[in-house]
N, C-alpha and C. Protein backbone atom coordinates (compact mmCIF):
# COMPACT_ATOMS: atom_id res chain seq x y z
N MET A 1 105.77 145.41 71.39
CA MET A 1 105.16 145.26 70.07
C MET A 1 103.68 144.90 70.22
N LYS A 2 102.81 145.56 69.47
CA LYS A 2 101.39 145.29 69.55
C LYS A 2 101.08 143.92 68.96
N GLN A 3 100.26 143.15 69.68
CA GLN A 3 99.87 141.84 69.21
C GLN A 3 98.37 141.84 68.91
N ASN A 4 97.97 141.01 67.98
CA ASN A 4 96.56 140.88 67.64
C ASN A 4 95.98 139.65 68.32
N PHE A 5 94.87 139.83 69.03
CA PHE A 5 94.23 138.73 69.72
C PHE A 5 92.84 138.52 69.14
N THR A 6 92.45 137.29 68.96
CA THR A 6 91.12 136.99 68.45
C THR A 6 90.50 135.91 69.33
N VAL A 7 89.20 135.91 69.43
CA VAL A 7 88.47 134.86 70.14
C VAL A 7 88.11 133.78 69.13
N ARG A 8 88.43 132.56 69.44
CA ARG A 8 88.12 131.46 68.52
C ARG A 8 86.61 131.39 68.28
N GLN A 9 86.27 131.08 67.06
CA GLN A 9 84.87 130.94 66.72
C GLN A 9 84.24 129.83 67.56
N GLY A 10 83.12 130.14 68.22
CA GLY A 10 82.44 129.16 69.05
C GLY A 10 83.12 128.88 70.37
N ALA A 11 84.01 129.78 70.83
CA ALA A 11 84.75 129.53 72.06
C ALA A 11 83.83 129.41 73.27
N LEU A 12 82.68 130.08 73.24
CA LEU A 12 81.77 130.05 74.39
C LEU A 12 80.64 129.05 74.21
N ASP A 13 80.61 128.35 73.06
CA ASP A 13 79.54 127.37 72.83
C ASP A 13 79.58 126.29 73.91
N GLY A 14 78.44 126.02 74.48
CA GLY A 14 78.35 124.94 75.47
C GLY A 14 78.66 125.35 76.89
N VAL A 15 79.22 126.54 77.10
CA VAL A 15 79.60 126.94 78.45
C VAL A 15 78.38 127.13 79.34
N GLU A 16 77.34 127.77 78.81
CA GLU A 16 76.13 127.97 79.62
C GLU A 16 75.49 126.63 79.97
N ALA A 17 75.48 125.71 79.00
CA ALA A 17 74.94 124.37 79.27
C ALA A 17 75.78 123.67 80.34
N PHE A 18 77.09 123.77 80.23
CA PHE A 18 77.97 123.15 81.23
C PHE A 18 77.70 123.70 82.62
N LEU A 19 77.58 125.02 82.74
CA LEU A 19 77.36 125.62 84.05
C LEU A 19 76.02 125.21 84.64
N SER A 20 75.00 125.08 83.79
CA SER A 20 73.69 124.67 84.28
C SER A 20 73.72 123.22 84.77
N VAL A 21 74.37 122.34 84.01
CA VAL A 21 74.47 120.94 84.43
C VAL A 21 75.29 120.84 85.72
N ALA A 22 76.37 121.61 85.80
CA ALA A 22 77.21 121.59 87.00
C ALA A 22 76.44 122.09 88.22
N ARG A 23 75.56 123.02 88.01
CA ARG A 23 74.78 123.59 89.12
C ARG A 23 73.73 122.60 89.61
N HIS A 24 73.04 121.95 88.66
CA HIS A 24 71.94 121.05 89.03
C HIS A 24 72.39 119.60 89.21
N ARG A 25 73.57 119.28 88.66
CA ARG A 25 74.04 117.89 88.62
C ARG A 25 72.98 117.00 87.98
N ASN A 26 72.34 117.57 86.95
CA ASN A 26 71.25 116.85 86.29
C ASN A 26 71.03 117.45 84.91
N PHE A 27 71.02 116.60 83.88
CA PHE A 27 70.87 117.09 82.51
C PHE A 27 69.44 117.57 82.24
N ARG A 28 68.45 116.87 82.80
CA ARG A 28 67.07 117.25 82.54
C ARG A 28 66.74 118.60 83.19
N LYS A 29 67.19 118.80 84.41
CA LYS A 29 66.94 120.07 85.08
C LYS A 29 67.64 121.22 84.36
N ALA A 30 68.84 120.95 83.84
CA ALA A 30 69.57 121.97 83.08
C ALA A 30 68.81 122.31 81.80
N ALA A 31 68.28 121.27 81.16
CA ALA A 31 67.52 121.49 79.93
C ALA A 31 66.27 122.31 80.21
N ALA A 32 65.59 122.03 81.32
CA ALA A 32 64.38 122.78 81.67
C ALA A 32 64.73 124.23 81.97
N GLU A 33 65.85 124.45 82.64
CA GLU A 33 66.25 125.81 82.98
C GLU A 33 66.56 126.63 81.73
N LEU A 34 67.19 126.01 80.75
CA LEU A 34 67.59 126.73 79.54
C LEU A 34 66.54 126.66 78.44
N GLY A 35 65.47 125.90 78.67
CA GLY A 35 64.39 125.85 77.69
C GLY A 35 64.73 125.07 76.44
N VAL A 36 65.55 124.03 76.60
CA VAL A 36 65.91 123.18 75.47
C VAL A 36 65.67 121.73 75.87
N THR A 37 65.93 120.82 74.95
CA THR A 37 65.73 119.40 75.25
C THR A 37 66.97 118.82 75.94
N PRO A 38 66.80 117.75 76.72
CA PRO A 38 67.97 117.08 77.31
C PRO A 38 68.97 116.63 76.25
N SER A 39 68.45 116.22 75.08
CA SER A 39 69.34 115.81 74.00
C SER A 39 70.24 116.96 73.55
N ALA A 40 69.65 118.17 73.48
CA ALA A 40 70.44 119.34 73.07
C ALA A 40 71.52 119.65 74.10
N ILE A 41 71.19 119.47 75.38
CA ILE A 41 72.19 119.69 76.43
C ILE A 41 73.32 118.68 76.31
N SER A 42 72.96 117.42 76.09
CA SER A 42 73.98 116.37 75.95
C SER A 42 74.90 116.66 74.78
N GLN A 43 74.33 117.06 73.65
CA GLN A 43 75.15 117.36 72.47
C GLN A 43 76.07 118.55 72.75
N ALA A 44 75.57 119.57 73.45
CA ALA A 44 76.39 120.74 73.75
C ALA A 44 77.55 120.37 74.66
N ILE A 45 77.28 119.51 75.65
CA ILE A 45 78.35 119.09 76.57
C ILE A 45 79.39 118.24 75.84
N ARG A 46 78.93 117.32 75.00
CA ARG A 46 79.88 116.49 74.25
C ARG A 46 80.75 117.34 73.33
N ALA A 47 80.15 118.33 72.69
CA ALA A 47 80.92 119.21 71.81
C ALA A 47 81.94 120.01 72.61
N LEU A 48 81.53 120.48 73.80
CA LEU A 48 82.46 121.23 74.64
C LEU A 48 83.61 120.34 75.11
N GLU A 49 83.31 119.12 75.48
CA GLU A 49 84.35 118.20 75.93
C GLU A 49 85.34 117.89 74.81
N ARG A 50 84.82 117.77 73.57
CA ARG A 50 85.73 117.54 72.45
C ARG A 50 86.63 118.76 72.24
N LYS A 51 86.06 119.93 72.40
CA LYS A 51 86.85 121.14 72.19
C LYS A 51 87.90 121.30 73.30
N VAL A 52 87.49 121.00 74.54
CA VAL A 52 88.43 121.11 75.66
C VAL A 52 89.47 120.00 75.61
N GLY A 53 89.05 118.83 75.14
CA GLY A 53 89.97 117.69 75.07
C GLY A 53 89.98 116.86 76.33
N ALA A 54 88.91 116.96 77.14
CA ALA A 54 88.85 116.19 78.38
C ALA A 54 87.39 116.01 78.77
N ALA A 55 87.10 114.92 79.46
CA ALA A 55 85.75 114.69 79.98
C ALA A 55 85.53 115.64 81.15
N LEU A 56 84.38 116.30 81.17
CA LEU A 56 84.06 117.25 82.21
C LEU A 56 83.10 116.69 83.25
N PHE A 57 82.33 115.68 82.86
CA PHE A 57 81.35 115.08 83.77
C PHE A 57 81.54 113.57 83.83
N MET A 58 81.26 113.01 85.01
CA MET A 58 81.14 111.56 85.18
C MET A 58 79.65 111.26 85.20
N ARG A 59 79.18 110.48 84.24
CA ARG A 59 77.75 110.22 84.10
C ARG A 59 77.44 108.76 84.44
N THR A 60 76.42 108.58 85.24
CA THR A 60 75.86 107.25 85.47
C THR A 60 74.36 107.35 85.25
N THR A 61 73.67 106.24 85.36
CA THR A 61 72.22 106.28 85.17
C THR A 61 71.53 107.01 86.30
N ARG A 62 72.22 107.19 87.44
CA ARG A 62 71.58 107.80 88.60
C ARG A 62 72.16 109.16 88.99
N SER A 63 73.36 109.45 88.54
CA SER A 63 73.97 110.70 89.01
C SER A 63 74.90 111.30 87.96
N VAL A 64 75.18 112.57 88.17
CA VAL A 64 76.12 113.30 87.32
C VAL A 64 77.09 114.03 88.24
N GLY A 65 78.38 113.82 88.03
CA GLY A 65 79.39 114.49 88.84
C GLY A 65 80.46 115.10 87.96
N LEU A 66 81.22 116.00 88.53
CA LEU A 66 82.30 116.66 87.81
C LEU A 66 83.59 115.87 87.91
N THR A 67 84.29 115.76 86.81
CA THR A 67 85.64 115.20 86.85
C THR A 67 86.59 116.26 87.39
N GLU A 68 87.85 115.89 87.60
CA GLU A 68 88.82 116.88 88.05
C GLU A 68 88.97 117.99 87.01
N ALA A 69 88.96 117.59 85.73
CA ALA A 69 89.02 118.60 84.67
C ALA A 69 87.78 119.49 84.71
N GLY A 70 86.62 118.88 84.99
CA GLY A 70 85.40 119.66 85.10
C GLY A 70 85.43 120.64 86.24
N GLU A 71 85.98 120.22 87.38
CA GLU A 71 86.11 121.12 88.53
C GLU A 71 87.00 122.31 88.19
N ARG A 72 88.10 122.05 87.51
CA ARG A 72 88.99 123.15 87.13
C ARG A 72 88.32 124.08 86.12
N PHE A 73 87.62 123.46 85.17
CA PHE A 73 86.94 124.28 84.16
C PHE A 73 85.87 125.13 84.83
N LEU A 74 85.12 124.55 85.78
CA LEU A 74 84.07 125.29 86.48
C LEU A 74 84.65 126.47 87.26
N ALA A 75 85.78 126.25 87.92
CA ALA A 75 86.38 127.31 88.73
C ALA A 75 86.75 128.54 87.90
N ARG A 76 87.15 128.33 86.66
CA ARG A 76 87.53 129.45 85.81
C ARG A 76 86.37 129.96 84.97
N ALA A 77 85.53 129.05 84.49
CA ALA A 77 84.46 129.44 83.57
C ALA A 77 83.31 130.16 84.26
N LYS A 78 82.98 129.75 85.50
CA LYS A 78 81.81 130.33 86.17
C LYS A 78 81.98 131.84 86.40
N PRO A 79 83.06 132.31 87.03
CA PRO A 79 83.18 133.77 87.20
C PRO A 79 83.32 134.53 85.88
N ALA A 80 83.98 133.91 84.90
CA ALA A 80 84.13 134.57 83.61
C ALA A 80 82.78 134.72 82.92
N PHE A 81 81.95 133.66 82.97
CA PHE A 81 80.63 133.73 82.34
C PHE A 81 79.75 134.74 83.06
N GLU A 82 79.83 134.78 84.38
CA GLU A 82 79.04 135.75 85.15
C GLU A 82 79.44 137.18 84.81
N GLU A 83 80.72 137.39 84.56
CA GLU A 83 81.18 138.72 84.15
C GLU A 83 80.63 139.09 82.78
N LEU A 84 80.59 138.13 81.87
CA LEU A 84 80.02 138.38 80.55
C LEU A 84 78.54 138.73 80.65
N VAL A 85 77.81 138.00 81.48
CA VAL A 85 76.38 138.30 81.67
C VAL A 85 76.21 139.70 82.25
N ALA A 86 77.03 140.03 83.25
CA ALA A 86 76.95 141.35 83.87
C ALA A 86 77.28 142.44 82.87
N ALA A 87 78.27 142.19 82.01
CA ALA A 87 78.64 143.17 80.98
C ALA A 87 77.49 143.40 80.01
N GLY A 88 76.81 142.31 79.63
CA GLY A 88 75.66 142.45 78.73
C GLY A 88 74.53 143.23 79.37
N GLU A 89 74.29 142.98 80.66
CA GLU A 89 73.22 143.70 81.36
C GLU A 89 73.56 145.19 81.49
N ALA A 90 74.84 145.49 81.74
CA ALA A 90 75.25 146.89 81.84
C ALA A 90 75.07 147.61 80.52
N ALA A 91 75.44 146.94 79.42
CA ALA A 91 75.28 147.55 78.11
C ALA A 91 73.80 147.73 77.76
N ARG A 92 72.99 146.74 78.13
CA ARG A 92 71.55 146.81 77.85
C ARG A 92 70.90 147.93 78.67
N GLU A 93 71.33 148.09 79.91
CA GLU A 93 70.80 149.16 80.75
C GLU A 93 71.12 150.52 80.16
N LEU A 94 72.33 150.67 79.61
CA LEU A 94 72.71 151.94 78.99
C LEU A 94 71.87 152.21 77.75
N ALA A 95 71.56 151.16 76.99
CA ALA A 95 70.73 151.34 75.80
C ALA A 95 69.31 151.72 76.18
N GLU A 96 68.80 151.14 77.27
CA GLU A 96 67.44 151.42 77.69
C GLU A 96 67.31 152.75 78.40
N ARG A 97 68.35 153.13 79.16
CA ARG A 97 68.32 154.39 79.89
C ARG A 97 69.66 155.10 79.68
N PRO A 98 69.75 155.91 78.63
CA PRO A 98 71.03 156.54 78.30
C PRO A 98 71.57 157.38 79.46
N LYS A 99 72.87 157.29 79.67
CA LYS A 99 73.53 158.11 80.67
C LYS A 99 75.00 158.23 80.31
N GLY A 100 75.65 159.20 80.90
CA GLY A 100 77.06 159.45 80.60
C GLY A 100 77.26 160.84 80.05
N VAL A 101 78.36 161.02 79.34
CA VAL A 101 78.71 162.33 78.79
C VAL A 101 78.50 162.30 77.28
N LEU A 102 77.80 163.30 76.76
CA LEU A 102 77.59 163.47 75.32
C LEU A 102 78.40 164.68 74.87
N ARG A 103 79.45 164.44 74.09
CA ARG A 103 80.34 165.52 73.66
C ARG A 103 79.99 165.93 72.23
N LEU A 104 79.73 167.22 72.04
CA LEU A 104 79.35 167.75 70.74
C LEU A 104 80.34 168.82 70.30
N SER A 105 80.71 168.77 69.02
CA SER A 105 81.54 169.81 68.42
C SER A 105 80.67 170.58 67.44
N VAL A 106 80.54 171.89 67.67
CA VAL A 106 79.61 172.68 66.84
C VAL A 106 80.22 174.04 66.52
N PRO A 107 79.83 174.65 65.41
CA PRO A 107 80.20 176.04 65.15
C PRO A 107 79.49 176.96 66.16
N ARG A 108 80.14 178.05 66.52
CA ARG A 108 79.53 178.95 67.51
C ARG A 108 78.17 179.46 67.05
N ALA A 109 78.03 179.70 65.76
CA ALA A 109 76.81 180.33 65.26
C ALA A 109 75.57 179.48 65.48
N VAL A 110 75.72 178.15 65.59
CA VAL A 110 74.54 177.31 65.70
C VAL A 110 74.05 177.16 67.14
N VAL A 111 74.86 177.58 68.10
CA VAL A 111 74.46 177.40 69.51
C VAL A 111 73.15 178.12 69.81
N PRO A 112 73.02 179.43 69.54
CA PRO A 112 71.75 180.09 69.85
C PRO A 112 70.61 179.67 68.92
N VAL A 113 70.94 179.27 67.71
CA VAL A 113 69.90 178.95 66.72
C VAL A 113 69.35 177.54 66.92
N LEU A 114 70.24 176.55 67.12
CA LEU A 114 69.80 175.17 67.17
C LEU A 114 69.82 174.55 68.57
N LEU A 115 70.86 174.84 69.34
CA LEU A 115 71.04 174.11 70.59
C LEU A 115 70.31 174.72 71.78
N GLU A 116 70.39 176.03 71.93
CA GLU A 116 69.77 176.64 73.11
C GLU A 116 68.29 176.31 73.23
N PRO A 117 67.51 176.29 72.14
CA PRO A 117 66.09 175.94 72.29
C PRO A 117 65.86 174.48 72.69
N LEU A 118 66.88 173.61 72.55
CA LEU A 118 66.69 172.18 72.79
C LEU A 118 67.31 171.68 74.08
N ILE A 119 68.32 172.37 74.58
CA ILE A 119 69.10 171.84 75.71
C ILE A 119 68.23 171.56 76.93
N ALA A 120 67.37 172.50 77.30
CA ALA A 120 66.58 172.33 78.52
C ALA A 120 65.67 171.12 78.42
N SER A 121 64.95 170.97 77.31
CA SER A 121 64.04 169.83 77.16
C SER A 121 64.81 168.52 77.05
N PHE A 122 65.99 168.55 76.41
CA PHE A 122 66.81 167.34 76.31
C PHE A 122 67.27 166.88 77.69
N CYS A 123 67.72 167.83 78.51
CA CYS A 123 68.20 167.48 79.85
C CYS A 123 67.07 166.98 80.74
N ARG A 124 65.86 167.49 80.53
CA ARG A 124 64.72 166.96 81.30
C ARG A 124 64.39 165.54 80.87
N ALA A 125 64.48 165.28 79.57
CA ALA A 125 64.16 163.94 79.06
C ALA A 125 65.24 162.92 79.42
N TYR A 126 66.50 163.36 79.47
CA TYR A 126 67.62 162.46 79.77
C TYR A 126 68.47 163.05 80.89
N PRO A 127 67.97 163.00 82.13
CA PRO A 127 68.67 163.67 83.24
C PRO A 127 70.03 163.07 83.58
N GLU A 128 70.29 161.84 83.14
CA GLU A 128 71.57 161.20 83.47
C GLU A 128 72.63 161.42 82.40
N ILE A 129 72.30 162.24 81.40
CA ILE A 129 73.30 162.57 80.36
C ILE A 129 73.83 163.98 80.63
N GLU A 130 75.13 164.09 80.66
CA GLU A 130 75.80 165.39 80.78
C GLU A 130 76.25 165.83 79.39
N VAL A 131 75.75 166.97 78.94
CA VAL A 131 76.05 167.47 77.59
C VAL A 131 77.24 168.41 77.66
N GLU A 132 78.25 168.11 76.89
CA GLU A 132 79.44 168.95 76.80
C GLU A 132 79.55 169.49 75.38
N ILE A 133 79.45 170.81 75.23
CA ILE A 133 79.45 171.43 73.90
C ILE A 133 80.75 172.20 73.70
N ALA A 134 81.48 171.85 72.66
CA ALA A 134 82.69 172.57 72.26
C ALA A 134 82.34 173.43 71.06
N ALA A 135 82.13 174.73 71.29
CA ALA A 135 81.76 175.64 70.21
C ALA A 135 83.02 176.32 69.69
N SER A 136 83.34 176.05 68.43
CA SER A 136 84.58 176.55 67.86
C SER A 136 84.45 176.67 66.35
N PRO A 137 85.13 177.64 65.74
CA PRO A 137 85.13 177.72 64.28
C PRO A 137 86.00 176.65 63.63
N GLN A 138 86.82 175.98 64.43
CA GLN A 138 87.71 174.96 63.88
C GLN A 138 86.94 173.70 63.51
N LEU A 139 87.29 173.12 62.38
CA LEU A 139 86.68 171.88 61.92
C LEU A 139 87.51 170.72 62.45
N VAL A 140 87.11 170.16 63.59
CA VAL A 140 87.90 169.11 64.23
C VAL A 140 87.49 167.74 63.73
N ASP A 141 88.39 166.79 63.89
CA ASP A 141 88.10 165.39 63.57
C ASP A 141 87.33 164.81 64.75
N LEU A 142 86.05 164.50 64.54
CA LEU A 142 85.19 164.07 65.64
C LEU A 142 85.72 162.82 66.33
N ALA A 143 86.08 161.81 65.55
CA ALA A 143 86.53 160.55 66.13
C ALA A 143 87.87 160.73 66.85
N ALA A 144 88.80 161.42 66.21
CA ALA A 144 90.14 161.58 66.79
C ALA A 144 90.12 162.41 68.06
N GLU A 145 89.20 163.37 68.13
CA GLU A 145 89.14 164.27 69.29
C GLU A 145 88.16 163.77 70.36
N GLY A 146 87.57 162.62 70.16
CA GLY A 146 86.71 162.03 71.17
C GLY A 146 85.31 162.59 71.26
N PHE A 147 84.79 163.15 70.18
CA PHE A 147 83.44 163.68 70.17
C PHE A 147 82.44 162.60 69.74
N ASP A 148 81.24 162.67 70.31
CA ASP A 148 80.19 161.72 69.93
C ASP A 148 79.47 162.15 68.67
N ALA A 149 79.35 163.45 68.46
CA ALA A 149 78.65 163.97 67.29
C ALA A 149 79.07 165.41 67.07
N GLY A 150 78.68 165.95 65.93
CA GLY A 150 79.00 167.34 65.63
C GLY A 150 77.97 167.92 64.69
N ILE A 151 77.94 169.21 64.62
CA ILE A 151 77.07 169.91 63.67
C ILE A 151 77.96 170.55 62.63
N ARG A 152 77.67 170.29 61.37
CA ARG A 152 78.50 170.77 60.27
C ARG A 152 77.63 171.32 59.15
N LEU A 153 78.22 172.20 58.37
CA LEU A 153 77.57 172.58 57.13
C LEU A 153 77.65 171.40 56.17
N GLY A 154 76.71 171.32 55.25
CA GLY A 154 76.60 170.15 54.39
C GLY A 154 77.87 169.78 53.67
N GLU A 155 78.61 170.79 53.19
CA GLU A 155 79.80 170.47 52.39
C GLU A 155 80.97 169.98 53.23
N PHE A 156 80.83 170.04 54.57
CA PHE A 156 81.91 169.61 55.44
C PHE A 156 81.76 168.17 55.93
N ILE A 157 80.75 167.46 55.48
CA ILE A 157 80.48 166.13 55.99
C ILE A 157 81.35 165.11 55.25
N ALA A 158 82.14 164.38 56.00
CA ALA A 158 83.00 163.35 55.40
C ALA A 158 82.15 162.21 54.86
N ALA A 159 82.68 161.53 53.86
CA ALA A 159 81.90 160.50 53.16
C ALA A 159 81.54 159.33 54.07
N ASP A 160 82.38 159.04 55.08
CA ASP A 160 82.13 157.87 55.92
C ASP A 160 81.34 158.19 57.18
N MET A 161 80.78 159.37 57.28
CA MET A 161 80.02 159.75 58.46
C MET A 161 78.52 159.61 58.20
N VAL A 162 77.79 159.34 59.28
CA VAL A 162 76.33 159.26 59.20
C VAL A 162 75.78 160.66 59.46
N ALA A 163 75.02 161.18 58.50
CA ALA A 163 74.53 162.56 58.58
C ALA A 163 73.01 162.58 58.70
N VAL A 164 72.52 163.45 59.55
CA VAL A 164 71.09 163.67 59.73
C VAL A 164 70.82 165.16 59.57
N ARG A 165 69.92 165.52 58.66
CA ARG A 165 69.61 166.93 58.43
C ARG A 165 68.89 167.51 59.65
N LEU A 166 69.35 168.66 60.13
CA LEU A 166 68.75 169.30 61.29
C LEU A 166 67.86 170.48 60.92
N THR A 167 68.10 171.08 59.78
CA THR A 167 67.33 172.26 59.38
C THR A 167 66.99 172.17 57.90
N PRO A 168 66.06 172.96 57.44
CA PRO A 168 65.87 173.10 55.99
C PRO A 168 67.12 173.76 55.40
N PRO A 169 67.28 173.76 54.08
CA PRO A 169 68.41 174.44 53.47
C PRO A 169 68.46 175.91 53.89
N LEU A 170 69.67 176.36 54.22
CA LEU A 170 69.85 177.75 54.62
C LEU A 170 70.64 178.46 53.53
N PRO A 171 70.00 179.27 52.68
CA PRO A 171 70.72 179.92 51.57
C PRO A 171 71.57 181.09 52.06
N TYR A 172 72.68 181.34 51.36
CA TYR A 172 73.48 182.53 51.59
C TYR A 172 72.82 183.72 50.90
N VAL A 173 72.95 184.88 51.49
CA VAL A 173 72.40 186.11 50.92
C VAL A 173 73.53 187.12 50.78
N VAL A 174 73.67 187.66 49.59
CA VAL A 174 74.67 188.70 49.35
C VAL A 174 73.99 190.06 49.54
N VAL A 175 74.56 190.90 50.38
CA VAL A 175 73.96 192.20 50.66
C VAL A 175 74.99 193.31 50.40
N GLY A 176 74.48 194.47 50.07
CA GLY A 176 75.33 195.65 49.85
C GLY A 176 74.56 196.90 50.21
N SER A 177 75.23 197.90 50.70
CA SER A 177 74.55 199.14 51.09
C SER A 177 74.14 199.93 49.84
N PRO A 178 73.07 200.71 49.93
CA PRO A 178 72.66 201.54 48.78
C PRO A 178 73.76 202.48 48.32
N GLY A 179 74.52 203.00 49.29
CA GLY A 179 75.61 203.91 48.93
C GLY A 179 76.67 203.23 48.09
N TYR A 180 77.01 201.98 48.43
CA TYR A 180 78.02 201.25 47.67
C TYR A 180 77.51 200.91 46.28
N LEU A 181 76.25 200.49 46.18
CA LEU A 181 75.72 200.05 44.90
C LEU A 181 75.38 201.21 43.96
N ARG A 182 75.29 202.43 44.50
CA ARG A 182 74.98 203.58 43.67
C ARG A 182 76.12 203.80 42.66
N GLY A 183 75.81 203.78 41.42
CA GLY A 183 76.83 203.99 40.39
C GLY A 183 77.57 202.73 40.00
N ARG A 184 77.20 201.57 40.58
CA ARG A 184 77.83 200.29 40.23
C ARG A 184 76.78 199.33 39.68
N THR A 185 77.24 198.39 38.92
CA THR A 185 76.34 197.37 38.39
C THR A 185 75.94 196.42 39.51
N VAL A 186 74.65 196.24 39.69
CA VAL A 186 74.17 195.33 40.74
C VAL A 186 74.50 193.89 40.33
N PRO A 187 75.20 193.12 41.18
CA PRO A 187 75.55 191.74 40.82
C PRO A 187 74.30 190.87 40.73
N MET A 188 74.24 190.08 39.69
CA MET A 188 73.11 189.18 39.48
C MET A 188 73.51 187.71 39.65
N ARG A 189 74.82 187.43 39.48
CA ARG A 189 75.31 186.07 39.62
C ARG A 189 76.53 186.07 40.53
N ILE A 190 76.89 184.89 41.02
CA ILE A 190 78.04 184.78 41.93
C ILE A 190 79.30 185.32 41.27
N ASP A 191 79.49 185.01 39.98
CA ASP A 191 80.71 185.46 39.29
C ASP A 191 80.80 186.98 39.23
N ASP A 192 79.66 187.68 39.29
CA ASP A 192 79.67 189.15 39.24
C ASP A 192 80.38 189.75 40.44
N LEU A 193 80.46 188.98 41.54
CA LEU A 193 81.09 189.51 42.76
C LEU A 193 82.59 189.69 42.60
N ARG A 194 83.17 189.07 41.59
CA ARG A 194 84.61 189.22 41.37
C ARG A 194 84.97 190.67 41.06
N HIS A 195 84.03 191.42 40.59
CA HIS A 195 84.28 192.81 40.22
C HIS A 195 83.84 193.80 41.30
N HIS A 196 83.57 193.27 42.49
CA HIS A 196 83.13 194.12 43.59
C HIS A 196 84.05 193.93 44.80
N ALA A 197 84.02 194.93 45.66
CA ALA A 197 84.74 194.85 46.94
C ALA A 197 83.86 194.04 47.90
N CYS A 198 84.36 192.89 48.33
CA CYS A 198 83.53 192.00 49.15
C CYS A 198 84.23 191.62 50.44
N LEU A 199 83.44 191.39 51.48
CA LEU A 199 83.89 190.73 52.70
C LEU A 199 83.51 189.26 52.55
N ARG A 200 84.51 188.40 52.54
CA ARG A 200 84.24 186.99 52.31
C ARG A 200 84.69 186.17 53.52
N MET A 201 84.01 185.08 53.76
CA MET A 201 84.29 184.23 54.91
C MET A 201 85.32 183.16 54.55
N ARG A 202 86.38 183.07 55.38
CA ARG A 202 87.36 182.00 55.18
C ARG A 202 87.02 180.88 56.16
N ARG A 203 86.84 179.68 55.63
CA ARG A 203 86.48 178.55 56.47
C ARG A 203 87.70 178.07 57.25
N SER A 204 87.41 177.21 58.25
CA SER A 204 88.48 176.73 59.12
C SER A 204 89.48 175.86 58.37
N ASN A 205 89.09 175.29 57.24
CA ASN A 205 90.03 174.48 56.47
C ASN A 205 90.85 175.29 55.50
N GLY A 206 90.69 176.61 55.54
CA GLY A 206 91.48 177.50 54.69
C GLY A 206 90.79 177.94 53.43
N SER A 207 89.74 177.26 53.00
CA SER A 207 89.05 177.65 51.77
C SER A 207 88.18 178.88 52.03
N ILE A 208 87.89 179.60 50.95
CA ILE A 208 87.06 180.80 51.05
C ILE A 208 85.66 180.47 50.55
N ALA A 209 84.67 180.83 51.33
CA ALA A 209 83.28 180.55 50.94
C ALA A 209 82.96 181.32 49.67
N SER A 210 82.31 180.65 48.72
CA SER A 210 81.96 181.29 47.46
C SER A 210 80.67 182.05 47.60
């Protein structure tokens, strides 16, 4: 059975202060390292001890040492905090220098018009990104199918998606051969096409383009 897990609010408060004091065995040096006042460090440690329910440091006027509870807390908290810092640095590095796989779902018709002129310059600008293009007439669910982005006609954009216009409006043009139109009324409005033999496009969702 799936369980829901949540992190308690403020669960990490005071941990960085604790690790700094444990490293220096000195509140003032910890405060200097973190750029805060010794009073702020003391308050953070006291709050952490209240939350943990045990004293973490033995304090005297001359020295600061770890209690047994503090030693146990340090053994578990130090590697966990270092992993969190490393995770933040990894995420920040990705934001500063994008890399990985970029998966795009696009209609086949837009590949030569929109993508081919851009792919080479994009790959030069972002050499660590691998672009994977799925060109298909099918209108796939981007999130469900694992795509990062897609190119769609305006009327296909779901309400909860973020859309960015890529081109000016592209109007549809109705065309007919002179031979066909000879002896027939030339259509002036969309409704006039109901009285003509037309080739019409059926979209991937089953609807017919008007």
